[in-house]
């Protein structure tokens, strides 16, 4: 009986995860757009191995995004993957109007991925390091040659209209001493 219940719960989770937006405008969560955006950055540096989308990683990413929403008020904090997956997190504020209204920003998967990809300018391939004082690990995780799958999710904090987006990657990248490609 447990074997029947678990897959049923799993399929319900998968079916409901991509479109959550609470009482706000629909958020266009397109897993294909995430793949396209990731693979664009990979192709730019000659990584021909394209990522595929993992529903299992998406469920894990959704669980973490929901945890950040419920326990950390949509503030970014990495999960503790213990080498099981790599993880990138993106945060977006609300749009605040002069009359005090707050609206949910319309964020696209391409904007999320491109924010991580913008770290490319701070990555020195020859020395396999980030520019001093800069981050580039989100970028290197995205283009890590041996990473084959990604799953992404987002959550909205209703009271503040802040968003937190999470992508998780397998196999994990960013191994110390190794170049991403």
C-alpha atoms as a PDB file:
ATOM      1  CA  UNK A   1       0.000   0.000   0.000  1.00  0.00           C
ATOM      2  CA  UNK A   2       2.858   2.446   0.710  1.00  0.00           C
ATOM      3  CA  UNK A   3       4.130   2.028  -2.840  1.00  0.00           C
ATOM      4  CA  UNK A   4       0.810   3.268  -4.195  1.00  0.00           C
ATOM      5  CA  UNK A   5       0.533   6.263  -1.854  1.00  0.00           C
ATOM      6  CA  UNK A   6       4.052   7.617  -2.349  1.00  0.00           C
ATOM      7  CA  UNK A   7       3.882   7.867  -6.167  1.00  0.00           C
ATOM      8  CA  UNK A   8       0.450   9.485  -5.934  1.00  0.00           C
ATOM      9  CA  UNK A   9       1.774  12.160  -3.578  1.00  0.00           C
ATOM     10  CA  UNK A  10       4.813  12.622  -5.791  1.00  0.00           C
ATOM     11  CA  UNK A  11       2.716  13.185  -8.898  1.00  0.00           C
ATOM     12  CA  UNK A  12       0.552  15.719  -7.063  1.00  0.00           C
ATOM     13  CA  UNK A  13       3.686  17.608  -6.025  1.00  0.00           C
ATOM     14  CA  UNK A  14       4.991  17.672  -9.593  1.00  0.00           C
ATOM     15  CA  UNK A  15       1.681  18.739 -11.033  1.00  0.00           C
ATOM     16  CA  UNK A  16       1.236  21.688  -8.694  1.00  0.00           C
ATOM     17  CA  UNK A  17       4.769  22.991  -8.323  1.00  0.00           C
ATOM     18  CA  UNK A  18       5.403  25.105 -11.448  1.00  0.00           C
ATOM     19  CA  UNK A  19       2.631  27.679 -11.212  1.00  0.00           C
ATOM     20  CA  UNK A  20       2.466  28.685  -7.557  1.00  0.00           C
ATOM     21  CA  UNK A  21       2.054  32.395  -7.130  1.00  0.00           C
ATOM     22  CA  UNK A  22      -0.303  32.710  -4.185  1.00  0.00           C
ATOM     23  CA  UNK A  23      -2.877  35.465  -4.676  1.00  0.00           C
ATOM     24  CA  UNK A  24      -0.603  37.355  -7.060  1.00  0.00           C
ATOM     25  CA  UNK A  25      -0.339  37.505 -10.816  1.00  0.00           C
ATOM     26  CA  UNK A  26       0.575  34.275 -12.533  1.00  0.00           C
ATOM     27  CA  UNK A  27       4.308  33.686 -12.556  1.00  0.00           C
ATOM     28  CA  UNK A  28       5.511  32.327 -15.840  1.00  0.00           C
ATOM     29  CA  UNK A  29       7.537  29.359 -14.671  1.00  0.00           C
ATOM     30  CA  UNK A  30       8.801  27.646 -17.781  1.00  0.00           C
ATOM     31  CA  UNK A  31      11.230  24.771 -17.192  1.00  0.00           C
ATOM     32  CA  UNK A  32      12.165  24.839 -20.896  1.00  0.00           C
ATOM     33  CA  UNK A  33      13.191  28.471 -20.567  1.00  0.00           C
ATOM     34  CA  UNK A  34      15.510  27.507 -17.708  1.00  0.00           C
ATOM     35  CA  UNK A  35      17.141  24.840 -19.872  1.00  0.00           C
ATOM     36  CA  UNK A  36      17.498  27.185 -22.842  1.00  0.00           C
ATOM     37  CA  UNK A  37      19.056  29.923 -20.712  1.00  0.00           C
ATOM     38  CA  UNK A  38      21.494  27.532 -19.004  1.00  0.00           C
ATOM     39  CA  UNK A  39      22.527  25.892 -22.274  1.00  0.00           C
ATOM     40  CA  UNK A  40      23.126  29.304 -23.885  1.00  0.00           C
ATOM     41  CA  UNK A  41      25.779  30.076 -21.262  1.00  0.00           C
ATOM     42  CA  UNK A  42      27.285  26.591 -21.617  1.00  0.00           C
ATOM     43  CA  UNK A  43      27.509  26.892 -25.413  1.00  0.00           C
ATOM     44  CA  UNK A  44      29.277  30.270 -25.145  1.00  0.00           C
ATOM     45  CA  UNK A  45      32.282  28.540 -23.566  1.00  0.00           C
ATOM     46  CA  UNK A  46      32.189  25.441 -25.738  1.00  0.00           C
ATOM     47  CA  UNK A  47      30.375  23.095 -23.354  1.00  0.00           C
ATOM     48  CA  UNK A  48      28.374  21.079 -25.871  1.00  0.00           C
ATOM     49  CA  UNK A  49      26.846  18.754 -23.289  1.00  0.00           C
ATOM     50  CA  UNK A  50      23.398  20.252 -22.772  1.00  0.00           C
ATOM     51  CA  UNK A  51      21.574  20.149 -19.466  1.00  0.00           C
ATOM     52  CA  UNK A  52      18.281  18.320 -19.177  1.00  0.00           C
ATOM     53  CA  UNK A  53      15.513  19.145 -16.735  1.00  0.00           C
ATOM     54  CA  UNK A  54      15.075  16.950 -13.663  1.00  0.00           C
ATOM     55  CA  UNK A  55      11.661  16.822 -12.031  1.00  0.00           C
ATOM     56  CA  UNK A  56      13.271  15.243  -8.957  1.00  0.00           C
ATOM     57  CA  UNK A  57      15.681  18.160  -8.574  1.00  0.00           C
ATOM     58  CA  UNK A  58      12.773  20.564  -9.203  1.00  0.00           C
ATOM     59  CA  UNK A  59      10.840  19.016  -6.310  1.00  0.00           C
ATOM     60  CA  UNK A  60      13.921  19.280  -4.089  1.00  0.00           C
ATOM     61  CA  UNK A  61      14.445  22.904  -5.172  1.00  0.00           C
ATOM     62  CA  UNK A  62      10.766  23.658  -4.474  1.00  0.00           C
ATOM     63  CA  UNK A  63      11.072  22.149  -1.008  1.00  0.00           C
ATOM     64  CA  UNK A  64      14.034  24.413  -0.288  1.00  0.00           C
ATOM     65  CA  UNK A  65      12.359  27.507  -1.765  1.00  0.00           C
ATOM     66  CA  UNK A  66       9.296  26.818   0.397  1.00  0.00           C
ATOM     67  CA  UNK A  67      11.535  26.374   3.442  1.00  0.00           C
ATOM     68  CA  UNK A  68      13.145  29.767   2.780  1.00  0.00           C
ATOM     69  CA  UNK A  69       9.680  31.276   2.442  1.00  0.00           C
ATOM     70  CA  UNK A  70       8.344  29.728   5.652  1.00  0.00           C
ATOM     71  CA  UNK A  71      11.376  29.922   7.933  1.00  0.00           C
ATOM     72  CA  UNK A  72      13.658  32.597   6.488  1.00  0.00           C
ATOM     73  CA  UNK A  73      11.184  35.155   5.092  1.00  0.00           C
ATOM     74  CA  UNK A  74      12.438  34.617   1.515  1.00  0.00           C
ATOM     75  CA  UNK A  75      15.991  35.582   2.445  1.00  0.00           C
ATOM     76  CA  UNK A  76      18.681  33.611   0.657  1.00  0.00           C
ATOM     77  CA  UNK A  77      20.445  30.794   2.423  1.00  0.00           C
ATOM     78  CA  UNK A  78      21.899  27.671   0.872  1.00  0.00           C
ATOM     79  CA  UNK A  79      20.622  24.267   1.830  1.00  0.00           C
ATOM     80  CA  UNK A  80      23.086  21.666   3.055  1.00  0.00           C
ATOM     81  CA  UNK A  81      23.454  19.366   0.062  1.00  0.00           C
ATOM     82  CA  UNK A  82      26.537  17.508   1.371  1.00  0.00           C
ATOM     83  CA  UNK A  83      27.752  17.012  -2.196  1.00  0.00           C
ATOM     84  CA  UNK A  84      24.462  15.545  -3.470  1.00  0.00           C
ATOM     85  CA  UNK A  85      23.776  18.539  -5.722  1.00  0.00           C
ATOM     86  CA  UNK A  86      24.979  22.026  -6.534  1.00  0.00           C
ATOM     87  CA  UNK A  87      22.715  24.977  -5.865  1.00  0.00           C
ATOM     88  CA  UNK A  88      22.175  28.535  -7.089  1.00  0.00           C
ATOM     89  CA  UNK A  89      19.756  30.960  -5.420  1.00  0.00           C
ATOM     90  CA  UNK A  90      18.266  34.203  -6.754  1.00  0.00           C
ATOM     91  CA  UNK A  91      16.257  36.786  -4.790  1.00  0.00           C
ATOM     92  CA  UNK A  92      13.956  39.510  -6.098  1.00  0.00           C
ATOM     93  CA  UNK A  93      12.398  42.332  -4.123  1.00  0.00           C
ATOM     94  CA  UNK A  94       8.905  43.631  -4.612  1.00  0.00           C
ATOM     95  CA  UNK A  95       8.212  46.675  -6.753  1.00  0.00           C
ATOM     96  CA  UNK A  96       7.510  49.426  -4.223  1.00  0.00           C
ATOM     97  CA  UNK A  97       5.324  52.337  -5.302  1.00  0.00           C
ATOM     98  CA  UNK A  98       5.336  55.821  -3.789  1.00  0.00           C
ATOM     99  CA  UNK A  99       1.784  55.299  -2.492  1.00  0.00           C
ATOM    100  CA  UNK A 100       2.949  52.309  -0.421  1.00  0.00           C
ATOM    101  CA  UNK A 101       1.692  49.574  -2.721  1.00  0.00           C
ATOM    102  CA  UNK A 102       3.895  46.572  -3.357  1.00  0.00           C
ATOM    103  CA  UNK A 103       3.677  44.452  -6.459  1.00  0.00           C
ATOM    104  CA  UNK A 104       5.298  41.224  -7.456  1.00  0.00           C
ATOM    105  CA  UNK A 105       8.069  41.722  -9.994  1.00  0.00           C
ATOM    106  CA  UNK A 106       7.630  39.769 -13.183  1.00  0.00           C
ATOM    107  CA  UNK A 107      10.841  37.758 -13.269  1.00  0.00           C
ATOM    108  CA  UNK A 108      11.624  35.326 -16.075  1.00  0.00           C
ATOM    109  CA  UNK A 109      13.799  32.211 -15.971  1.00  0.00           C
ATOM    110  CA  UNK A 110      16.186  33.932 -18.395  1.00  0.00           C
ATOM    111  CA  UNK A 111      16.610  36.869 -15.979  1.00  0.00           C
ATOM    112  CA  UNK A 112      17.385  34.471 -13.125  1.00  0.00           C
ATOM    113  CA  UNK A 113      19.923  32.462 -15.116  1.00  0.00           C
ATOM    114  CA  UNK A 114      21.456  35.546 -16.741  1.00  0.00           C
ATOM    115  CA  UNK A 115      22.042  37.087 -13.307  1.00  0.00           C
ATOM    116  CA  UNK A 116      24.237  34.084 -12.467  1.00  0.00           C
ATOM    117  CA  UNK A 117      25.776  34.093 -15.935  1.00  0.00           C
ATOM    118  CA  UNK A 118      26.791  37.733 -15.528  1.00  0.00           C
ATOM    119  CA  UNK A 119      29.469  36.461 -13.130  1.00  0.00           C
ATOM    120  CA  UNK A 120      31.387  35.220 -16.188  1.00  0.00           C
ATOM    121  CA  UNK A 121      33.183  38.580 -16.324  1.00  0.00           C
ATOM    122  CA  UNK A 122      34.585  37.879 -12.857  1.00  0.00           C
ATOM    123  CA  UNK A 123      35.864  34.366 -13.666  1.00  0.00           C
ATOM    124  CA  UNK A 124      39.505  33.968 -14.722  1.00  0.00           C
ATOM    125  CA  UNK A 125      39.708  30.645 -16.570  1.00  0.00           C
ATOM    126  CA  UNK A 126      43.527  30.640 -16.797  1.00  0.00           C
ATOM    127  CA  UNK A 127      43.860  30.856 -13.007  1.00  0.00           C
ATOM    128  CA  UNK A 128      40.551  29.063 -12.317  1.00  0.00           C
ATOM    129  CA  UNK A 129      39.548  31.735  -9.839  1.00  0.00           C
ATOM    130  CA  UNK A 130      37.190  34.635  -9.261  1.00  0.00           C
ATOM    131  CA  UNK A 131      38.328  38.232  -9.397  1.00  0.00           C
ATOM    132  CA  UNK A 132      39.288  39.328  -5.888  1.00  0.00           C
ATOM    133  CA  UNK A 133      36.199  40.385  -3.952  1.00  0.00           C
ATOM    134  CA  UNK A 134      33.786  39.051  -6.604  1.00  0.00           C
ATOM    135  CA  UNK A 135      31.608  35.959  -6.907  1.00  0.00           C
ATOM    136  CA  UNK A 136      31.673  33.577  -9.841  1.00  0.00           C
ATOM    137  CA  UNK A 137      30.609  30.224  -8.372  1.00  0.00           C
ATOM    138  CA  UNK A 138      27.026  30.527  -9.618  1.00  0.00           C
ATOM    139  CA  UNK A 139      28.372  30.927 -13.135  1.00  0.00           C
ATOM    140  CA  UNK A 140      30.857  28.062 -12.877  1.00  0.00           C
ATOM    141  CA  UNK A 141      28.160  25.719 -11.519  1.00  0.00           C
ATOM    142  CA  UNK A 142      25.964  26.492 -14.544  1.00  0.00           C
ATOM    143  CA  UNK A 143      28.723  25.733 -17.054  1.00  0.00           C
ATOM    144  CA  UNK A 144      30.307  22.803 -15.197  1.00  0.00           C
ATOM    145  CA  UNK A 145      30.887  20.274 -17.986  1.00  0.00           C
ATOM    146  CA  UNK A 146      30.010  17.141 -16.008  1.00  0.00           C
ATOM    147  CA  UNK A 147      26.747  18.572 -14.667  1.00  0.00           C
ATOM    148  CA  UNK A 148      23.942  17.002 -16.688  1.00  0.00           C
ATOM    149  CA  UNK A 149      20.654  17.916 -14.976  1.00  0.00           C
ATOM    150  CA  UNK A 150      19.011  20.907 -13.340  1.00  0.00           C
ATOM    151  CA  UNK A 151      15.728  21.463 -11.535  1.00  0.00           C
ATOM    152  CA  UNK A 152      14.409  24.868 -10.524  1.00  0.00           C
ATOM    153  CA  UNK A 153      11.652  26.339  -8.368  1.00  0.00           C
ATOM    154  CA  UNK A 154      10.482  29.553  -6.764  1.00  0.00           C
ATOM    155  CA  UNK A 155       8.461  30.786  -3.821  1.00  0.00           C
ATOM    156  CA  UNK A 156       6.812  34.119  -3.030  1.00  0.00           C
ATOM    157  CA  UNK A 157       6.528  35.649   0.428  1.00  0.00           C
ATOM    158  CA  UNK A 158       2.993  36.984   0.274  1.00  0.00           C
ATOM    159  CA  UNK A 159       3.392  39.758   2.836  1.00  0.00           C
ATOM    160  CA  UNK A 160       6.444  41.349   1.193  1.00  0.00           C
ATOM    161  CA  UNK A 161       6.018  40.122  -2.410  1.00  0.00           C
ATOM    162  CA  UNK A 162       9.663  39.055  -2.358  1.00  0.00           C
ATOM    163  CA  UNK A 163      10.673  36.041  -4.424  1.00  0.00           C
ATOM    164  CA  UNK A 164      13.308  33.393  -3.956  1.00  0.00           C
ATOM    165  CA  UNK A 165      14.339  31.174  -6.862  1.00  0.00           C
ATOM    166  CA  UNK A 166      16.382  27.980  -6.457  1.00  0.00           C
ATOM    167  CA  UNK A 167      18.091  25.797  -9.051  1.00  0.00           C
ATOM    168  CA  UNK A 168      19.792  22.545  -8.076  1.00  0.00           C
ATOM    169  CA  UNK A 169      22.318  20.684 -10.237  1.00  0.00           C
ATOM    170  CA  UNK A 170      23.588  17.107 -10.560  1.00  0.00           C
ATOM    171  CA  UNK A 171      26.255  16.033 -10.554  1.00  0.00           C
ATOM    172  CA  UNK A 172      27.466  18.941  -8.508  1.00  0.00           C
ATOM    173  CA  UNK A 173      30.169  21.233  -9.839  1.00  0.00           C
ATOM    174  CA  UNK A 174      32.629  23.662  -8.288  1.00  0.00           C
ATOM    175  CA  UNK A 175      35.133  21.046  -7.182  1.00  0.00           C
ATOM    176  CA  UNK A 176      38.194  22.786  -5.730  1.00  0.00           C
ATOM    177  CA  UNK A 177      41.169  22.550  -8.053  1.00  0.00           C
ATOM    178  CA  UNK A 178      39.107  21.539 -11.102  1.00  0.00           C
ATOM    179  CA  UNK A 179      38.141  23.795 -13.982  1.00  0.00           C
ATOM    180  CA  UNK A 180      34.487  23.863 -15.029  1.00  0.00           C
ATOM    181  CA  UNK A 181      35.217  23.111 -18.710  1.00  0.00           C
END
